[in-house]
Amino acid sequence: MLQQSLDLALVSGVGEGGIPDAAFDQAVADLAPALARLAGEAKTLPLLGLPAETADLEPVRVAAARLRDGASDILVLGTGGSSLGGQTLAQLTGYGTAGLSAFLPEPRVHFIDNLDPLTFAALLKTLPLKTTKFVSISKSGGTGETLLQTIAAITALRGAGIAEDKIGWHFQGLSEPAKPGKLHALRALLEPFGVPFLEHHTGVGGRYSVLTNCGLLPAAVLGLDIVALRQGAAKALAPVLAGKGVKETPAALGAALNLAAMRNGKNIAVLMPYADKLALLTRWWMQLWAESLGKDGQGTQPVGALGPVDQHSQQQLYLAGPKDRLFTVLTVANKGKGPAIDAALAKQIGEGDFADKTIGDLVAAQGLAMIDTFAKNGRAVRKLHVDVVDEASHGEILMHFMLETVLTGYAMGVDPFDQPAVEEAKILAKRYLAEGRG
């Protein structure tokens, strides 16, 4: 279960540099209408219906089984929310974790979310294409990166001698249904090859889609428990559906803290988990926060960090730089876990206190020490904690941050679901491509 403590974020907890208690109290009051609005949308906002949804799980399992069949490698083609959610779930299996990812069993899953010509060309040249499959994800069906990657993959398969009637075996599509009278580019590209499609939820945008088939499909391919993911999400959502008040709803309290931080000059929000399995969570959260709230001259800059490694790379700035940040440190019950430290070797290096401890003991101590050091230096820090990182806890964390983001947006007076600036850049990029500019 996700635990949250806000005491060390306030002036009463850390002194000067904290968020004024009165400002937090005002933000709590200001969150009440936002929470009431969200609770009133329980039956109309598709995001809130996902934890209880079950009808879409079997199609996901069927598609996952089809992808796994005969595959040595599976490339997930998509960008932004179409990929980051899947990546943070995949990290539960070791994906993207230094040292572990190279030893994962087949089928190996690769998320090709950043369009780089040299990287993609090298991949297509290196992969065993006869046993490689591709998942093309685009909510609209018109995402330029996904379309170009898919075309390049089809061309590479042809170059490898794959017959036209076999190309469909190598693909799975995931997109919204086609609209009458309007070209759906991704379907027009893949359906002639007989490629099956899962339908992207029309009411859930990319950065909120981690608990839809966008995130669940790669999770299922990797053997994760997709039911437990949604059950965990239901825990974070339960207080909202039950009509609880702000102080009884963790996501609403988190939103109030962020709102108070914004109003008091803390224009940077840092998320720092202490577990490799949560490293990619920070990338997913950064898009969620930035794209949802950066509007009308408002918002805070999201920054991802990872403990304990970033104690060595960022701590100096965090402790001795400007007091313009709200820190969220997410710890895990690491105590007693991992390799044990040999007593004789510990004594040999002059660190007798290491004797018979575990690496997990040190990481647990580092997380606690980082929180206390923030507080002693007048830095506003929120504490989040989970005992284990598994599907259920991860689902709860993901839903907590999505609800926190939506509630913050409502209280700020911005729409947390649109992204007009992003759309403008996409349109301009396509025009420049057509004109041969770059």
Protein backbone atom coordinates (compact mmCIF):
# COMPACT_ATOMS: atom_id res chain seq x y z
CA MET A 1 0.00 0.00 0.00
CA LEU A 2 1.27 3.48 -0.91
CA GLN A 3 2.01 5.60 2.16
CA GLN A 4 2.37 9.39 2.04
CA SER A 5 3.70 11.93 4.53
CA LEU A 6 3.72 15.68 3.92
CA ASP A 7 5.02 16.97 7.27
CA LEU A 8 8.56 17.65 6.07
CA ALA A 9 7.33 19.72 3.15
CA LEU A 10 5.90 22.45 5.39
CA VAL A 11 7.47 25.29 7.34
CA SER A 12 6.31 23.63 10.56
CA GLY A 13 8.42 20.61 9.62
CA VAL A 14 11.54 22.08 8.02
CA GLY A 15 11.49 25.79 8.85
CA GLU A 16 12.38 28.45 6.31
CA GLY A 17 12.41 26.89 2.86
CA GLY A 18 9.32 24.81 3.51
CA ILE A 19 5.85 25.59 2.21
CA PRO A 20 3.95 27.88 4.60
CA ASP A 21 1.37 25.90 6.55
CA ALA A 22 -1.27 28.53 5.88
CA ALA A 23 -0.61 28.27 2.13
CA PHE A 24 -1.05 24.51 2.29
CA ASP A 25 -4.27 24.87 4.28
CA GLN A 26 -5.58 27.29 1.66
CA ALA A 27 -4.64 24.86 -1.13
CA VAL A 28 -6.48 22.06 0.70
CA ALA A 29 -9.58 24.25 0.75
CA ASP A 30 -9.11 25.12 -2.92
CA LEU A 31 -8.83 21.42 -3.81
CA ALA A 32 -12.29 20.65 -2.45
CA PRO A 33 -14.15 21.84 -5.59
CA ALA A 34 -11.63 20.04 -7.82
CA LEU A 35 -12.11 16.80 -5.91
CA ALA A 36 -15.89 17.18 -6.00
CA ARG A 37 -15.69 17.73 -9.75
CA LEU A 38 -13.57 14.62 -10.23
CA ALA A 39 -15.86 12.50 -8.05
CA GLY A 40 -18.81 13.75 -10.10
CA GLU A 41 -17.09 12.52 -13.25
CA ALA A 42 -16.85 8.94 -11.95
CA LYS A 43 -19.27 7.67 -14.59
CA THR A 44 -18.22 9.92 -17.45
CA LEU A 45 -14.43 10.20 -17.28
CA PRO A 46 -13.05 7.00 -18.87
CA LEU A 47 -9.83 7.11 -16.84
CA LEU A 48 -11.81 6.54 -13.66
CA GLY A 49 -13.52 3.49 -15.11
CA LEU A 50 -10.34 1.64 -16.04
CA PRO A 51 -9.58 -0.08 -12.70
CA ALA A 52 -12.92 -1.89 -12.76
CA GLU A 53 -12.83 -2.69 -16.50
CA THR A 54 -12.34 -6.38 -17.40
CA ALA A 55 -13.82 -6.82 -20.88
CA ASP A 56 -10.68 -5.59 -22.62
CA LEU A 57 -8.26 -7.93 -20.82
CA GLU A 58 -8.90 -11.07 -22.84
CA PRO A 59 -8.21 -9.38 -26.21
CA VAL A 60 -4.94 -8.14 -24.69
CA ARG A 61 -4.00 -11.67 -23.63
CA VAL A 62 -4.85 -13.04 -27.07
CA ALA A 63 -2.74 -10.37 -28.80
CA ALA A 64 0.13 -10.99 -26.38
CA ALA A 65 0.07 -14.72 -27.06
CA ARG A 66 0.06 -14.09 -30.81
CA LEU A 67 3.04 -11.75 -30.48
CA ARG A 68 5.03 -14.17 -28.35
CA ASP A 69 4.43 -17.08 -30.75
CA GLY A 70 7.63 -17.67 -32.71
CA ALA A 71 9.16 -14.33 -31.78
CA SER A 72 12.70 -13.76 -30.61
CA ASP A 73 12.27 -9.96 -30.51
CA ILE A 74 9.31 -7.60 -30.28
CA LEU A 75 9.71 -3.90 -31.11
CA VAL A 76 7.12 -1.53 -29.68
CA LEU A 77 6.87 1.42 -32.09
CA GLY A 78 5.33 4.48 -30.49
CA THR A 79 6.36 7.68 -28.79
CA GLY A 80 5.39 9.62 -25.69
CA GLY A 81 2.45 8.16 -23.85
CA SER A 82 2.19 5.30 -26.34
CA SER A 83 5.51 4.00 -25.05
CA LEU A 84 6.46 5.43 -21.64
CA GLY A 85 3.66 3.68 -19.78
CA GLY A 86 4.59 0.34 -21.27
CA GLN A 87 8.22 0.94 -20.39
CA THR A 88 7.61 1.66 -16.73
CA LEU A 89 5.57 -1.54 -16.46
CA ALA A 90 8.18 -3.54 -18.37
CA GLN A 91 10.84 -2.45 -15.87
CA LEU A 92 9.16 -4.71 -13.32
CA THR A 93 10.76 -7.57 -15.27
CA GLY A 94 14.19 -5.94 -15.56
CA TYR A 95 13.68 -4.11 -18.85
CA GLY A 96 15.81 -0.97 -19.02
CA THR A 97 17.72 -1.88 -15.86
CA ALA A 98 21.48 -1.71 -16.22
CA GLY A 99 23.08 -5.12 -15.94
CA LEU A 100 19.83 -7.07 -16.09
CA SER A 101 18.25 -6.12 -19.40
CA ALA A 102 20.91 -7.90 -21.46
CA PHE A 103 20.00 -11.23 -19.85
CA LEU A 104 16.22 -11.16 -20.23
CA PRO A 105 14.70 -14.24 -21.89
CA GLU A 106 13.07 -14.29 -25.31
CA PRO A 107 11.05 -12.73 -26.63
CA ARG A 108 13.13 -9.65 -25.97
CA VAL A 109 10.97 -6.50 -25.90
CA HIS A 110 12.38 -3.22 -27.23
CA PHE A 111 10.62 0.14 -26.95
CA ILE A 112 11.72 2.30 -29.88
CA ASP A 113 10.26 5.58 -28.68
CA ASN A 114 12.81 8.12 -29.86
CA LEU A 115 13.09 8.58 -33.61
CA ASP A 116 16.79 8.38 -34.44
CA PRO A 117 17.75 7.36 -37.98
CA LEU A 118 21.06 5.74 -37.07
CA THR A 119 19.67 3.75 -34.15
CA PHE A 120 16.69 2.41 -36.09
CA ALA A 121 18.78 1.56 -39.14
CA ALA A 122 21.26 -0.35 -36.98
CA LEU A 123 18.42 -2.21 -35.25
CA LEU A 124 16.81 -3.28 -38.50
CA LYS A 125 20.19 -4.42 -39.77
CA THR A 126 21.03 -6.38 -36.61
CA LEU A 127 17.75 -7.99 -35.59
CA PRO A 128 16.80 -11.48 -36.79
CA LEU A 129 13.92 -10.15 -38.88
CA LYS A 130 12.39 -13.54 -39.61
CA THR A 131 11.60 -13.88 -35.90
CA THR A 132 11.04 -10.20 -35.11
CA LYS A 133 7.61 -8.68 -34.58
CA PHE A 134 6.43 -5.09 -34.33
CA VAL A 135 3.69 -3.38 -32.34
CA SER A 136 2.68 -0.09 -33.96
CA ILE A 137 0.90 2.22 -31.51
CA SER A 138 -0.69 5.57 -32.33
CA LYS A 139 -3.93 6.77 -30.77
CA SER A 140 -4.82 8.93 -33.76
CA GLY A 141 -3.16 6.70 -36.33
CA GLY A 142 -1.32 9.71 -37.68
CA THR A 143 1.75 9.95 -35.44
CA GLY A 144 4.62 10.67 -37.81
CA GLU A 145 7.28 8.79 -35.86
CA THR A 146 5.22 5.61 -35.66
CA LEU A 147 4.25 5.74 -39.33
CA LEU A 148 7.83 6.20 -40.52
CA GLN A 149 9.11 3.42 -38.27
CA THR A 150 6.38 1.09 -39.50
CA ILE A 151 7.10 1.83 -43.15
CA ALA A 152 10.81 1.24 -42.54
CA ALA A 153 10.04 -2.06 -40.80
CA ILE A 154 7.88 -3.27 -43.71
CA THR A 155 10.64 -2.32 -46.15
CA ALA A 156 13.22 -4.17 -44.05
CA LEU A 157 11.06 -7.30 -43.91
CA ARG A 158 10.70 -7.25 -47.68
CA GLY A 159 14.45 -6.84 -47.98
CA ALA A 160 14.92 -9.88 -45.77
CA GLY A 161 12.88 -11.97 -48.19
CA ILE A 162 9.63 -12.07 -46.21
CA ALA A 163 6.75 -12.76 -48.57
CA GLU A 164 3.96 -10.20 -48.86
CA ASP A 165 1.38 -12.59 -47.44
CA LYS A 166 3.59 -13.21 -44.38
CA ILE A 167 4.26 -9.58 -43.43
CA GLY A 168 1.04 -9.36 -41.42
CA TRP A 169 2.35 -12.09 -39.07
CA HIS A 170 5.07 -9.69 -37.97
CA PHE A 171 2.76 -6.86 -36.88
CA GLN A 172 0.16 -5.90 -34.30
CA GLY A 173 -1.63 -2.56 -34.55
CA LEU A 174 -3.08 -0.50 -31.74
CA SER A 175 -5.08 2.60 -32.61
CA GLU A 176 -8.48 4.24 -32.49
CA PRO A 177 -11.16 3.02 -34.89
CA ALA A 178 -11.20 4.69 -38.30
CA LYS A 179 -13.69 7.53 -38.71
CA PRO A 180 -16.04 7.44 -41.73
CA GLY A 181 -14.75 9.48 -44.63
CA LYS A 182 -11.37 10.15 -43.02
CA LEU A 183 -8.08 8.42 -43.83
CA HIS A 184 -6.68 6.48 -40.89
CA ALA A 185 -3.02 6.31 -41.90
CA LEU A 186 -1.83 3.49 -39.64
CA ARG A 187 -4.75 1.22 -40.53
CA ALA A 188 -4.37 2.07 -44.23
CA LEU A 189 -0.74 1.01 -43.95
CA LEU A 190 -1.18 -2.26 -42.05
CA GLU A 191 -4.67 -3.64 -42.66
CA PRO A 192 -3.94 -4.59 -46.31
CA PHE A 193 -1.41 -7.05 -44.86
CA GLY A 194 -4.07 -8.56 -42.63
CA VAL A 195 -2.63 -7.03 -39.46
CA PRO A 196 -5.01 -7.29 -36.48
CA PHE A 197 -5.70 -4.18 -34.40
CA LEU A 198 -6.52 -3.58 -30.77
CA GLU A 199 -8.64 -0.49 -30.40
CA HIS A 200 -7.07 2.36 -28.46
CA HIS A 201 -9.49 3.70 -25.87
CA THR A 202 -11.03 6.76 -27.51
CA GLY A 203 -11.54 8.54 -24.21
CA VAL A 204 -8.08 8.07 -22.72
CA GLY A 205 -5.17 10.12 -24.06
CA GLY A 206 -1.69 8.75 -24.53
CA ARG A 207 -0.05 9.98 -21.32
CA TYR A 208 -2.95 8.55 -19.28
CA SER A 209 -3.07 5.26 -21.21
CA VAL A 210 -0.71 3.13 -19.11
CA LEU A 211 -3.63 1.10 -17.69
CA THR A 212 -5.28 0.65 -21.10
CA ASN A 213 -4.15 -1.89 -23.67
CA CYS A 214 -1.29 0.50 -24.59
CA GLY A 215 0.51 -0.37 -21.39
CA LEU A 216 -1.10 -3.72 -20.69
CA LEU A 217 -0.16 -5.33 -24.02
CA PRO A 218 3.62 -5.17 -23.52
CA ALA A 219 3.06 -6.04 -19.85
CA ALA A 220 1.15 -9.16 -20.86
CA VAL A 221 3.81 -10.09 -23.42
CA LEU A 222 6.33 -10.01 -20.57
CA GLY A 223 4.15 -12.18 -18.34
CA LEU A 224 3.05 -9.52 -15.85
CA ASP A 225 -0.22 -9.78 -13.94
CA ILE A 226 -2.40 -7.20 -15.67
CA VAL A 227 -5.33 -7.83 -13.33
CA ALA A 228 -3.16 -6.96 -10.31
CA LEU A 229 -2.10 -3.72 -12.02
CA ARG A 230 -5.69 -2.58 -12.23
CA GLN A 231 -6.50 -3.80 -8.73
CA GLY A 232 -3.66 -1.66 -7.42
CA ALA A 233 -4.98 1.32 -9.35
CA ALA A 234 -8.38 0.76 -7.76
CA LYS A 235 -6.84 1.34 -4.31
CA ALA A 236 -5.67 4.81 -5.25
CA LEU A 237 -9.03 5.62 -6.82
CA ALA A 238 -11.22 4.25 -4.01
CA PRO A 239 -11.33 7.43 -1.86
CA VAL A 240 -12.45 9.47 -4.88
CA LEU A 241 -15.25 7.06 -5.74
CA ALA A 242 -16.29 6.92 -2.08
CA GLY A 243 -16.70 10.70 -1.98
CA LYS A 244 -14.01 11.21 0.65
CA GLY A 245 -12.74 14.67 1.47
CA VAL A 246 -9.38 16.15 0.50
CA LYS A 247 -7.66 15.13 3.73
CA GLU A 248 -8.87 11.54 3.30
CA THR A 249 -7.77 11.30 -0.34
CA PRO A 250 -3.97 10.92 -0.76
CA ALA A 251 -3.96 12.08 -4.38
CA ALA A 252 -5.89 15.23 -3.42
CA LEU A 253 -3.47 15.99 -0.58
CA GLY A 254 -0.58 15.56 -3.02
CA ALA A 255 -2.30 17.93 -5.43
CA ALA A 256 -2.80 20.49 -2.66
CA LEU A 257 0.88 20.28 -1.75
CA ASN A 258 1.92 20.86 -5.35
CA LEU A 259 -0.53 23.73 -5.73
CA ALA A 260 0.82 25.41 -2.59
CA ALA A 261 4.38 24.85 -3.82
CA MET A 262 3.59 26.55 -7.14
CA ARG A 263 2.03 29.52 -5.38
CA ASN A 264 5.10 29.93 -3.19
CA GLY A 265 7.84 30.04 -5.80
CA LYS A 266 8.75 26.36 -5.95
CA ASN A 267 8.76 26.01 -9.71
CA ILE A 268 10.54 22.65 -9.90
CA ALA A 269 9.09 19.29 -8.83
CA VAL A 270 11.58 16.44 -8.31
CA LEU A 271 10.56 12.77 -8.13
CA MET A 272 13.28 10.54 -6.66
CA PRO A 273 12.51 6.83 -6.17
CA TYR A 274 14.93 4.47 -4.45
CA ALA A 275 14.52 1.38 -6.63
CA ASP A 276 15.76 0.47 -10.10
CA LYS A 277 12.30 -0.88 -10.92
CA LEU A 278 10.94 2.66 -10.59
CA ALA A 279 13.59 4.47 -12.64
CA LEU A 280 11.47 4.65 -15.80
CA LEU A 281 8.46 5.70 -13.73
CA THR A 282 10.12 9.11 -13.51
CA ARG A 283 10.20 9.49 -17.32
CA TRP A 284 6.52 8.56 -17.56
CA TRP A 285 5.65 10.98 -14.75
CA MET A 286 7.64 13.84 -16.31
CA GLN A 287 5.55 13.69 -19.49
CA LEU A 288 2.33 13.34 -17.50
CA TRP A 289 3.10 16.38 -15.34
CA ALA A 290 4.64 18.63 -17.99
CA GLU A 291 2.12 18.00 -20.77
CA SER A 292 -0.90 18.16 -18.47
CA LEU A 293 -0.10 21.27 -16.46
CA GLY A 294 2.28 23.43 -18.50
CA LYS A 295 -0.35 25.84 -19.80
CA ASP A 296 -1.34 29.51 -19.66
CA GLY A 297 2.03 30.46 -18.17
CA GLN A 298 1.55 28.01 -15.31
CA GLY A 299 3.07 24.73 -14.20
CA THR A 300 6.25 23.44 -12.61
CA GLN A 301 9.24 21.79 -14.23
CA PRO A 302 9.26 18.05 -13.53
CA VAL A 303 12.66 16.49 -12.87
CA GLY A 304 13.38 12.79 -12.50
CA ALA A 305 16.10 11.52 -10.19
CA LEU A 306 17.05 8.05 -8.94
CA GLY A 307 18.33 7.06 -5.53
CA PRO A 308 20.87 6.44 -4.37
CA VAL A 309 22.91 7.18 -7.53
CA ASP A 310 21.71 10.77 -7.87
CA GLN A 311 22.81 11.56 -4.35
CA HIS A 312 26.22 11.66 -6.03
CA SER A 313 25.19 13.63 -9.12
CA GLN A 314 22.51 16.09 -8.00
CA GLN A 315 22.60 16.34 -4.20
CA GLN A 316 25.01 19.29 -4.12
CA LEU A 317 22.59 21.44 -6.10
CA TYR A 318 19.58 20.16 -4.23
CA LEU A 319 21.01 21.02 -0.82
CA ALA A 320 23.07 24.13 -1.55
CA GLY A 321 21.23 25.62 -4.53
CA PRO A 322 18.01 27.64 -4.64
CA LYS A 323 15.13 26.54 -2.42
CA ASP A 324 12.80 26.46 -5.42
CA ARG A 325 12.03 22.74 -5.47
CA LEU A 326 9.47 20.38 -4.03
CA PHE A 327 11.03 16.94 -3.59
CA THR A 328 9.11 13.68 -3.58
CA VAL A 329 11.23 10.79 -2.32
CA LEU A 330 9.72 7.37 -2.97
CA THR A 331 11.27 4.66 -0.81
CA VAL A 332 10.88 0.88 -0.84
CA ALA A 333 11.24 -1.59 2.04
CA ASN A 334 14.78 -2.60 1.06
CA LYS A 335 16.02 -3.41 4.55
CA GLY A 336 17.36 -6.97 4.82
CA LYS A 337 17.33 -7.52 1.05
CA GLY A 338 20.15 -8.23 -1.38
CA PRO A 339 23.63 -9.69 -0.89
CA ALA A 340 24.94 -9.90 2.69
CA ILE A 341 28.19 -8.14 3.57
CA ASP A 342 30.97 -10.47 4.78
CA ALA A 343 32.07 -9.39 8.27
CA ALA A 344 35.77 -10.12 7.74
CA LEU A 345 35.93 -8.17 4.49
CA ALA A 346 34.04 -5.26 6.06
CA LYS A 347 36.57 -5.17 8.92
CA GLN A 348 39.42 -5.37 6.40
CA ILE A 349 38.35 -2.08 4.80
CA GLY A 350 37.78 -0.39 8.13
CA GLU A 351 33.99 -0.47 7.92
CA GLY A 352 33.06 -2.77 10.78
CA ASP A 353 29.51 -1.38 10.85
CA PHE A 354 28.93 -2.97 7.45
CA ALA A 355 29.39 -6.45 8.92
CA ASP A 356 26.45 -8.80 8.45
CA LYS A 357 24.36 -6.03 6.91
CA THR A 358 22.88 -6.29 3.42
CA ILE A 359 23.05 -3.97 0.42
CA GLY A 360 19.37 -3.36 1.03
CA ASP A 361 20.18 -2.13 4.54
CA LEU A 362 22.45 0.52 3.05
CA VAL A 363 19.93 1.63 0.40
CA ALA A 364 17.19 1.87 3.05
CA ALA A 365 19.48 3.96 5.24
CA GLN A 366 20.41 6.18 2.28
CA GLY A 367 16.77 6.90 1.44
CA LEU A 368 15.96 7.82 5.03
CA ALA A 369 19.14 9.89 5.31
CA MET A 370 18.31 11.77 2.09
CA ILE A 371 14.86 12.70 3.40
CA ASP A 372 16.24 13.86 6.74
CA THR A 373 19.05 15.79 5.04
CA PHE A 374 16.56 17.60 2.84
CA ALA A 375 14.57 18.53 5.93
CA LYS A 376 17.59 19.67 7.96
CA ASN A 377 18.61 21.94 5.09
CA GLY A 378 15.19 23.54 4.80
CA ARG A 379 14.15 21.73 1.64
CA ALA A 380 10.48 20.83 1.21
CA VAL A 381 10.23 17.05 0.88
CA ARG A 382 7.27 14.71 0.59
CA LYS A 383 7.72 11.09 1.61
CA LEU A 384 6.10 8.26 -0.34
CA HIS A 385 6.71 4.62 0.56
CA VAL A 386 5.74 1.16 -0.66
CA ASP A 387 6.86 -2.11 0.90
CA VAL A 388 7.36 -3.91 -2.41
CA VAL A 389 7.47 -2.97 -6.08
CA ASP A 390 5.10 -5.36 -7.84
CA GLU A 391 2.16 -5.10 -10.19
CA ALA A 392 -0.32 -4.09 -7.48
CA SER A 393 1.84 -1.41 -5.90
CA HIS A 394 2.89 -0.10 -9.30
CA GLY A 395 -0.72 0.21 -10.40
CA GLU A 396 -1.48 2.15 -7.23
CA ILE A 397 1.48 4.50 -7.76
CA LEU A 398 0.52 5.15 -11.38
CA MET A 399 -3.10 5.94 -10.57
CA HIS A 400 -2.06 8.11 -7.62
CA PHE A 401 0.08 10.30 -9.88
CA MET A 402 -2.59 10.48 -12.60
CA LEU A 403 -5.24 11.56 -10.10
CA GLU A 404 -2.84 14.01 -8.47
CA THR A 405 -2.13 15.54 -11.87
CA VAL A 406 -5.77 15.85 -12.89
CA LEU A 407 -6.75 17.38 -9.55
CA THR A 408 -3.87 19.86 -9.68
CA GLY A 409 -4.94 20.88 -13.18
CA TYR A 410 -8.55 21.37 -12.13
CA ALA A 411 -7.46 23.54 -9.18
CA MET A 412 -5.14 25.57 -11.43
CA GLY A 413 -7.94 26.19 -13.90
CA VAL A 414 -6.25 24.40 -16.82
CA ASP A 415 -7.39 21.41 -18.86
CA PRO A 416 -5.13 18.51 -17.80
CA PHE A 417 -6.13 16.42 -20.80
CA ASP A 418 -5.19 18.55 -23.81
CA GLN A 419 -1.77 19.48 -25.26
CA PRO A 420 -2.22 22.31 -27.78
CA ALA A 421 1.47 23.27 -27.89
CA VAL A 422 2.47 19.70 -28.74
CA GLU A 423 -0.04 19.51 -31.56
CA GLU A 424 1.29 22.76 -33.04
CA ALA A 425 4.83 21.36 -33.21
CA LYS A 426 3.62 18.11 -34.80
CA ILE A 427 1.81 19.98 -37.57
CA LEU A 428 4.81 22.18 -38.26
CA ALA A 429 7.20 19.22 -38.35
CA LYS A 430 5.08 17.45 -40.97
CA ARG A 431 5.02 20.61 -43.08
CA TYR A 432 8.80 20.98 -42.88
CA LEU A 433 9.22 17.32 -43.85
CA ALA A 434 7.04 17.83 -46.93
CA GLU A 435 9.05 20.93 -47.85
CA GLY A 436 12.35 19.13 -47.38
CA ARG A 437 13.46 21.51 -44.65
CA GLY A 438 15.72 20.49 -41.78
